[in-house]
């Protein structure tokens, strides 16, 4: 697809049209690079055995702790169990957020792939008279929007799930505590 788009741009007869569409090709290249980054993060997430295990085990562990808590009489043991329940609940919430974000990323990737499929015919439709037309500007704005959306999605994922490209693995990030600020009185 990308090569067809490049070829379509190269068939333009030099000048402003080829320059403008050349910028568009660079944007498309950035778009493809972002799609590739997102796909690799999704692949690493789906292969992550620790995440899979935790998604299955955390709800069961919380339930087991709560059952044991109801039977426990010792106050210090109860306090430890409550702390464990709170920690596992926080972990479960983080796993849920991560799963939701990854589902959004999958849908965004699908949407971007579909949008990418519309670019080639649009470039074919752009003629020399369209160099400064709203059609060309709209195409460039659409591509910029896709690149920006994918960048935002990758940044959001990076906040909760770090991807190590060298080793093709991801790791979940601990949630940063919310800082409480006091009002100066």
C-alpha atoms as a PDB file:
ATOM      1  CA  UNK A   1       0.000   0.000   0.000  1.00  0.00           C
ATOM      2  CA  UNK A   2       2.713   2.471   1.034  1.00  0.00           C
ATOM      3  CA  UNK A   3       4.716   1.750  -2.132  1.00  0.00           C
ATOM      4  CA  UNK A   4       1.639   2.328  -4.271  1.00  0.00           C
ATOM      5  CA  UNK A   5       1.109   5.652  -2.580  1.00  0.00           C
ATOM      6  CA  UNK A   6       4.757   6.581  -3.108  1.00  0.00           C
ATOM      7  CA  UNK A   7       4.509   5.550  -6.765  1.00  0.00           C
ATOM      8  CA  UNK A   8       1.356   7.628  -7.222  1.00  0.00           C
ATOM      9  CA  UNK A   9       3.135  10.668  -5.799  1.00  0.00           C
ATOM     10  CA  UNK A  10       6.209  10.108  -7.957  1.00  0.00           C
ATOM     11  CA  UNK A  11       4.062  10.090 -11.110  1.00  0.00           C
ATOM     12  CA  UNK A  12       3.192  13.722 -10.431  1.00  0.00           C
ATOM     13  CA  UNK A  13       5.141  16.136 -12.607  1.00  0.00           C
ATOM     14  CA  UNK A  14       7.505  17.753 -10.120  1.00  0.00           C
ATOM     15  CA  UNK A  15       6.870  21.118  -8.600  1.00  0.00           C
ATOM     16  CA  UNK A  16       4.492  22.133  -5.876  1.00  0.00           C
ATOM     17  CA  UNK A  17       2.168  19.144  -6.325  1.00  0.00           C
ATOM     18  CA  UNK A  18       4.934  16.585  -5.890  1.00  0.00           C
ATOM     19  CA  UNK A  19       6.393  18.538  -2.944  1.00  0.00           C
ATOM     20  CA  UNK A  20       3.030  18.747  -1.217  1.00  0.00           C
ATOM     21  CA  UNK A  21       2.242  15.097  -1.772  1.00  0.00           C
ATOM     22  CA  UNK A  22       5.804  14.239  -0.727  1.00  0.00           C
ATOM     23  CA  UNK A  23       4.996  15.787   2.653  1.00  0.00           C
ATOM     24  CA  UNK A  24       1.873  13.647   2.704  1.00  0.00           C
ATOM     25  CA  UNK A  25       3.954  10.530   2.032  1.00  0.00           C
ATOM     26  CA  UNK A  26       6.173  11.406   5.019  1.00  0.00           C
ATOM     27  CA  UNK A  27       3.075  11.765   7.191  1.00  0.00           C
ATOM     28  CA  UNK A  28       1.875   8.373   5.971  1.00  0.00           C
ATOM     29  CA  UNK A  29       5.269   6.914   6.835  1.00  0.00           C
ATOM     30  CA  UNK A  30       4.916   8.320  10.370  1.00  0.00           C
ATOM     31  CA  UNK A  31       1.408   6.892  10.520  1.00  0.00           C
ATOM     32  CA  UNK A  32       2.645   3.435   9.541  1.00  0.00           C
ATOM     33  CA  UNK A  33       5.477   3.643  12.077  1.00  0.00           C
ATOM     34  CA  UNK A  34       2.964   4.446  14.835  1.00  0.00           C
ATOM     35  CA  UNK A  35       0.705   1.598  13.746  1.00  0.00           C
ATOM     36  CA  UNK A  36       3.679  -0.752  13.886  1.00  0.00           C
ATOM     37  CA  UNK A  37       4.652   0.463  17.380  1.00  0.00           C
ATOM     38  CA  UNK A  38       1.109   0.023  18.614  1.00  0.00           C
ATOM     39  CA  UNK A  39       0.823  -3.457  17.103  1.00  0.00           C
ATOM     40  CA  UNK A  40       4.080  -4.550  18.736  1.00  0.00           C
ATOM     41  CA  UNK A  41       2.908  -3.317  22.131  1.00  0.00           C
ATOM     42  CA  UNK A  42      -0.385  -5.142  21.704  1.00  0.00           C
ATOM     43  CA  UNK A  43       1.446  -8.326  20.704  1.00  0.00           C
ATOM     44  CA  UNK A  44       3.737  -8.112  23.737  1.00  0.00           C
ATOM     45  CA  UNK A  45       0.743  -7.511  26.011  1.00  0.00           C
ATOM     46  CA  UNK A  46      -1.169 -10.489  24.611  1.00  0.00           C
ATOM     47  CA  UNK A  47       1.878 -12.739  25.127  1.00  0.00           C
ATOM     48  CA  UNK A  48       2.559 -11.497  28.670  1.00  0.00           C
ATOM     49  CA  UNK A  49       2.125 -14.563  30.891  1.00  0.00           C
ATOM     50  CA  UNK A  50       2.367 -12.562  34.111  1.00  0.00           C
ATOM     51  CA  UNK A  51      -0.533 -10.349  33.076  1.00  0.00           C
ATOM     52  CA  UNK A  52      -2.567 -13.400  32.011  1.00  0.00           C
ATOM     53  CA  UNK A  53      -1.887 -15.140  35.318  1.00  0.00           C
ATOM     54  CA  UNK A  54      -2.713 -12.062  37.365  1.00  0.00           C
ATOM     55  CA  UNK A  55      -5.949 -11.446  35.441  1.00  0.00           C
ATOM     56  CA  UNK A  56      -7.064 -14.952  36.418  1.00  0.00           C
ATOM     57  CA  UNK A  57      -5.709 -15.102  39.961  1.00  0.00           C
ATOM     58  CA  UNK A  58      -6.326 -11.667  41.495  1.00  0.00           C
ATOM     59  CA  UNK A  59     -10.146 -11.907  41.714  1.00  0.00           C
ATOM     60  CA  UNK A  60      -9.857 -15.392  43.264  1.00  0.00           C
ATOM     61  CA  UNK A  61      -7.251 -14.212  45.770  1.00  0.00           C
ATOM     62  CA  UNK A  62      -9.450 -11.294  46.825  1.00  0.00           C
ATOM     63  CA  UNK A  63     -12.391 -13.629  47.328  1.00  0.00           C
ATOM     64  CA  UNK A  64     -10.271 -16.081  49.337  1.00  0.00           C
ATOM     65  CA  UNK A  65      -8.890 -13.305  51.553  1.00  0.00           C
ATOM     66  CA  UNK A  66     -12.395 -11.982  52.215  1.00  0.00           C
ATOM     67  CA  UNK A  67     -13.616 -15.447  53.217  1.00  0.00           C
ATOM     68  CA  UNK A  68     -10.651 -15.898  55.535  1.00  0.00           C
ATOM     69  CA  UNK A  69     -11.148 -12.398  56.936  1.00  0.00           C
ATOM     70  CA  UNK A  70     -14.700 -13.295  57.985  1.00  0.00           C
ATOM     71  CA  UNK A  71     -13.361 -16.229  59.994  1.00  0.00           C
ATOM     72  CA  UNK A  72     -10.311 -14.560  61.521  1.00  0.00           C
ATOM     73  CA  UNK A  73     -10.514 -13.384  65.113  1.00  0.00           C
ATOM     74  CA  UNK A  74      -7.022 -11.972  65.690  1.00  0.00           C
ATOM     75  CA  UNK A  75      -7.012  -8.191  65.100  1.00  0.00           C
ATOM     76  CA  UNK A  76      -3.436  -7.988  63.802  1.00  0.00           C
ATOM     77  CA  UNK A  77      -4.022 -10.826  61.327  1.00  0.00           C
ATOM     78  CA  UNK A  78      -7.276  -9.172  60.214  1.00  0.00           C
ATOM     79  CA  UNK A  79      -5.379  -5.923  59.653  1.00  0.00           C
ATOM     80  CA  UNK A  80      -2.804  -7.725  57.482  1.00  0.00           C
ATOM     81  CA  UNK A  81      -5.572  -9.439  55.513  1.00  0.00           C
ATOM     82  CA  UNK A  82      -7.326  -6.114  54.924  1.00  0.00           C
ATOM     83  CA  UNK A  83      -4.050  -4.645  53.660  1.00  0.00           C
ATOM     84  CA  UNK A  84      -3.629  -7.627  51.332  1.00  0.00           C
ATOM     85  CA  UNK A  85      -7.199  -7.224  50.068  1.00  0.00           C
ATOM     86  CA  UNK A  86      -6.597  -3.521  49.422  1.00  0.00           C
ATOM     87  CA  UNK A  87      -3.354  -4.245  47.572  1.00  0.00           C
ATOM     88  CA  UNK A  88      -4.968  -6.929  45.407  1.00  0.00           C
ATOM     89  CA  UNK A  89      -7.973  -4.693  44.736  1.00  0.00           C
ATOM     90  CA  UNK A  90      -5.642  -1.938  43.549  1.00  0.00           C
ATOM     91  CA  UNK A  91      -3.794  -4.446  41.389  1.00  0.00           C
ATOM     92  CA  UNK A  92      -7.083  -5.703  39.926  1.00  0.00           C
ATOM     93  CA  UNK A  93      -8.173  -2.163  39.101  1.00  0.00           C
ATOM     94  CA  UNK A  94      -4.841  -1.507  37.367  1.00  0.00           C
ATOM     95  CA  UNK A  95      -5.210  -4.720  35.362  1.00  0.00           C
ATOM     96  CA  UNK A  96      -8.736  -3.708  34.349  1.00  0.00           C
ATOM     97  CA  UNK A  97      -7.533  -0.265  33.219  1.00  0.00           C
ATOM     98  CA  UNK A  98      -4.732  -1.866  31.247  1.00  0.00           C
ATOM     99  CA  UNK A  99      -7.092  -4.336  29.571  1.00  0.00           C
ATOM    100  CA  UNK A 100      -9.518  -1.531  28.676  1.00  0.00           C
ATOM    101  CA  UNK A 101      -6.708   0.564  27.243  1.00  0.00           C
ATOM    102  CA  UNK A 102      -5.436  -2.349  25.173  1.00  0.00           C
ATOM    103  CA  UNK A 103      -8.934  -3.001  23.838  1.00  0.00           C
ATOM    104  CA  UNK A 104      -9.178   0.655  22.820  1.00  0.00           C
ATOM    105  CA  UNK A 105      -5.765   0.357  21.176  1.00  0.00           C
ATOM    106  CA  UNK A 106      -6.904  -2.671  19.173  1.00  0.00           C
ATOM    107  CA  UNK A 107      -9.962  -0.809  17.919  1.00  0.00           C
ATOM    108  CA  UNK A 108      -7.858   2.248  17.123  1.00  0.00           C
ATOM    109  CA  UNK A 109      -5.439   0.103  15.159  1.00  0.00           C
ATOM    110  CA  UNK A 110      -8.320  -1.435  13.184  1.00  0.00           C
ATOM    111  CA  UNK A 111      -9.782   1.991  12.508  1.00  0.00           C
ATOM    112  CA  UNK A 112      -6.395   3.318  11.393  1.00  0.00           C
ATOM    113  CA  UNK A 113      -5.892   0.384   9.065  1.00  0.00           C
ATOM    114  CA  UNK A 114      -9.284   1.013   7.471  1.00  0.00           C
ATOM    115  CA  UNK A 115      -8.514   4.740   7.151  1.00  0.00           C
ATOM    116  CA  UNK A 116      -5.155   3.953   5.589  1.00  0.00           C
ATOM    117  CA  UNK A 117      -6.948   1.946   2.919  1.00  0.00           C
ATOM    118  CA  UNK A 118      -8.788   5.087   1.798  1.00  0.00           C
ATOM    119  CA  UNK A 119      -5.634   7.141   1.283  1.00  0.00           C
ATOM    120  CA  UNK A 120      -4.431   5.556  -1.975  1.00  0.00           C
ATOM    121  CA  UNK A 121      -7.653   6.218  -3.896  1.00  0.00           C
ATOM    122  CA  UNK A 122      -7.756   9.759  -2.507  1.00  0.00           C
ATOM    123  CA  UNK A 123      -4.228  10.448  -3.743  1.00  0.00           C
ATOM    124  CA  UNK A 124      -5.197   9.055  -7.145  1.00  0.00           C
ATOM    125  CA  UNK A 125      -8.099  11.523  -7.256  1.00  0.00           C
ATOM    126  CA  UNK A 126      -5.918  14.522  -6.514  1.00  0.00           C
ATOM    127  CA  UNK A 127      -4.938  16.169  -9.755  1.00  0.00           C
ATOM    128  CA  UNK A 128      -2.646  19.054 -10.530  1.00  0.00           C
ATOM    129  CA  UNK A 129      -5.481  21.523 -10.090  1.00  0.00           C
ATOM    130  CA  UNK A 130      -6.003  20.242  -6.546  1.00  0.00           C
ATOM    131  CA  UNK A 131      -2.598  21.284  -5.157  1.00  0.00           C
ATOM    132  CA  UNK A 132      -4.041  23.937  -2.881  1.00  0.00           C
ATOM    133  CA  UNK A 133      -7.569  22.603  -2.826  1.00  0.00           C
ATOM    134  CA  UNK A 134      -9.601  21.748   0.208  1.00  0.00           C
ATOM    135  CA  UNK A 135      -9.412  18.073  -0.859  1.00  0.00           C
ATOM    136  CA  UNK A 136      -5.626  18.040  -0.475  1.00  0.00           C
ATOM    137  CA  UNK A 137      -5.771  19.986   2.766  1.00  0.00           C
ATOM    138  CA  UNK A 138      -8.460  17.669   4.138  1.00  0.00           C
ATOM    139  CA  UNK A 139      -6.375  14.611   3.213  1.00  0.00           C
ATOM    140  CA  UNK A 140      -3.340  16.038   4.982  1.00  0.00           C
ATOM    141  CA  UNK A 141      -5.430  16.982   8.024  1.00  0.00           C
ATOM    142  CA  UNK A 142      -6.931  13.473   8.153  1.00  0.00           C
ATOM    143  CA  UNK A 143      -3.475  11.901   8.039  1.00  0.00           C
ATOM    144  CA  UNK A 144      -2.167  14.288  10.698  1.00  0.00           C
ATOM    145  CA  UNK A 145      -5.151  13.427  12.864  1.00  0.00           C
ATOM    146  CA  UNK A 146      -4.462   9.711  12.535  1.00  0.00           C
ATOM    147  CA  UNK A 147      -0.783  10.177  13.395  1.00  0.00           C
ATOM    148  CA  UNK A 148      -1.697  12.309  16.405  1.00  0.00           C
ATOM    149  CA  UNK A 149      -4.338   9.852  17.639  1.00  0.00           C
ATOM    150  CA  UNK A 150      -1.918   6.942  17.429  1.00  0.00           C
ATOM    151  CA  UNK A 151       0.792   8.975  19.183  1.00  0.00           C
ATOM    152  CA  UNK A 152      -1.652   9.745  21.991  1.00  0.00           C
ATOM    153  CA  UNK A 153      -2.641   6.064  22.281  1.00  0.00           C
ATOM    154  CA  UNK A 154       1.013   4.950  22.428  1.00  0.00           C
ATOM    155  CA  UNK A 155       1.762   7.590  25.068  1.00  0.00           C
ATOM    156  CA  UNK A 156      -1.226   6.445  27.144  1.00  0.00           C
ATOM    157  CA  UNK A 157      -0.131   2.827  26.918  1.00  0.00           C
ATOM    158  CA  UNK A 158       3.427   3.765  27.848  1.00  0.00           C
ATOM    159  CA  UNK A 159       2.125   5.310  31.069  1.00  0.00           C
ATOM    160  CA  UNK A 160       0.824   1.941  32.278  1.00  0.00           C
ATOM    161  CA  UNK A 161       2.676  -0.659  30.201  1.00  0.00           C
ATOM    162  CA  UNK A 162       6.305  -0.195  29.227  1.00  0.00           C
ATOM    163  CA  UNK A 163       7.422  -1.875  26.025  1.00  0.00           C
ATOM    164  CA  UNK A 164      11.033  -3.012  25.608  1.00  0.00           C
ATOM    165  CA  UNK A 165      11.559  -3.192  21.823  1.00  0.00           C
ATOM    166  CA  UNK A 166      14.969  -4.808  22.145  1.00  0.00           C
ATOM    167  CA  UNK A 167      13.551  -7.805  24.016  1.00  0.00           C
ATOM    168  CA  UNK A 168      10.005  -7.508  22.574  1.00  0.00           C
ATOM    169  CA  UNK A 169       8.379  -7.637  26.018  1.00  0.00           C
ATOM    170  CA  UNK A 170       6.200  -5.358  28.076  1.00  0.00           C
ATOM    171  CA  UNK A 171       5.853  -4.741  31.786  1.00  0.00           C
ATOM    172  CA  UNK A 172       3.067  -3.168  33.774  1.00  0.00           C
ATOM    173  CA  UNK A 173       3.922   0.128  35.466  1.00  0.00           C
ATOM    174  CA  UNK A 174       2.895   0.755  39.054  1.00  0.00           C
ATOM    175  CA  UNK A 175       0.321   3.508  39.374  1.00  0.00           C
ATOM    176  CA  UNK A 176       1.819   6.724  40.605  1.00  0.00           C
ATOM    177  CA  UNK A 177       0.230   7.907  43.860  1.00  0.00           C
ATOM    178  CA  UNK A 178      -1.878  11.004  43.578  1.00  0.00           C
ATOM    179  CA  UNK A 179      -0.219  13.872  45.389  1.00  0.00           C
ATOM    180  CA  UNK A 180      -2.440  15.702  47.761  1.00  0.00           C
ATOM    181  CA  UNK A 181      -1.875  19.389  47.953  1.00  0.00           C
ATOM    182  CA  UNK A 182      -2.884  21.435  50.913  1.00  0.00           C
ATOM    183  CA  UNK A 183      -4.466  24.793  50.474  1.00  0.00           C
ATOM    184  CA  UNK A 184      -2.427  27.592  51.947  1.00  0.00           C
ATOM    185  CA  UNK A 185      -4.500  29.330  54.531  1.00  0.00           C
END
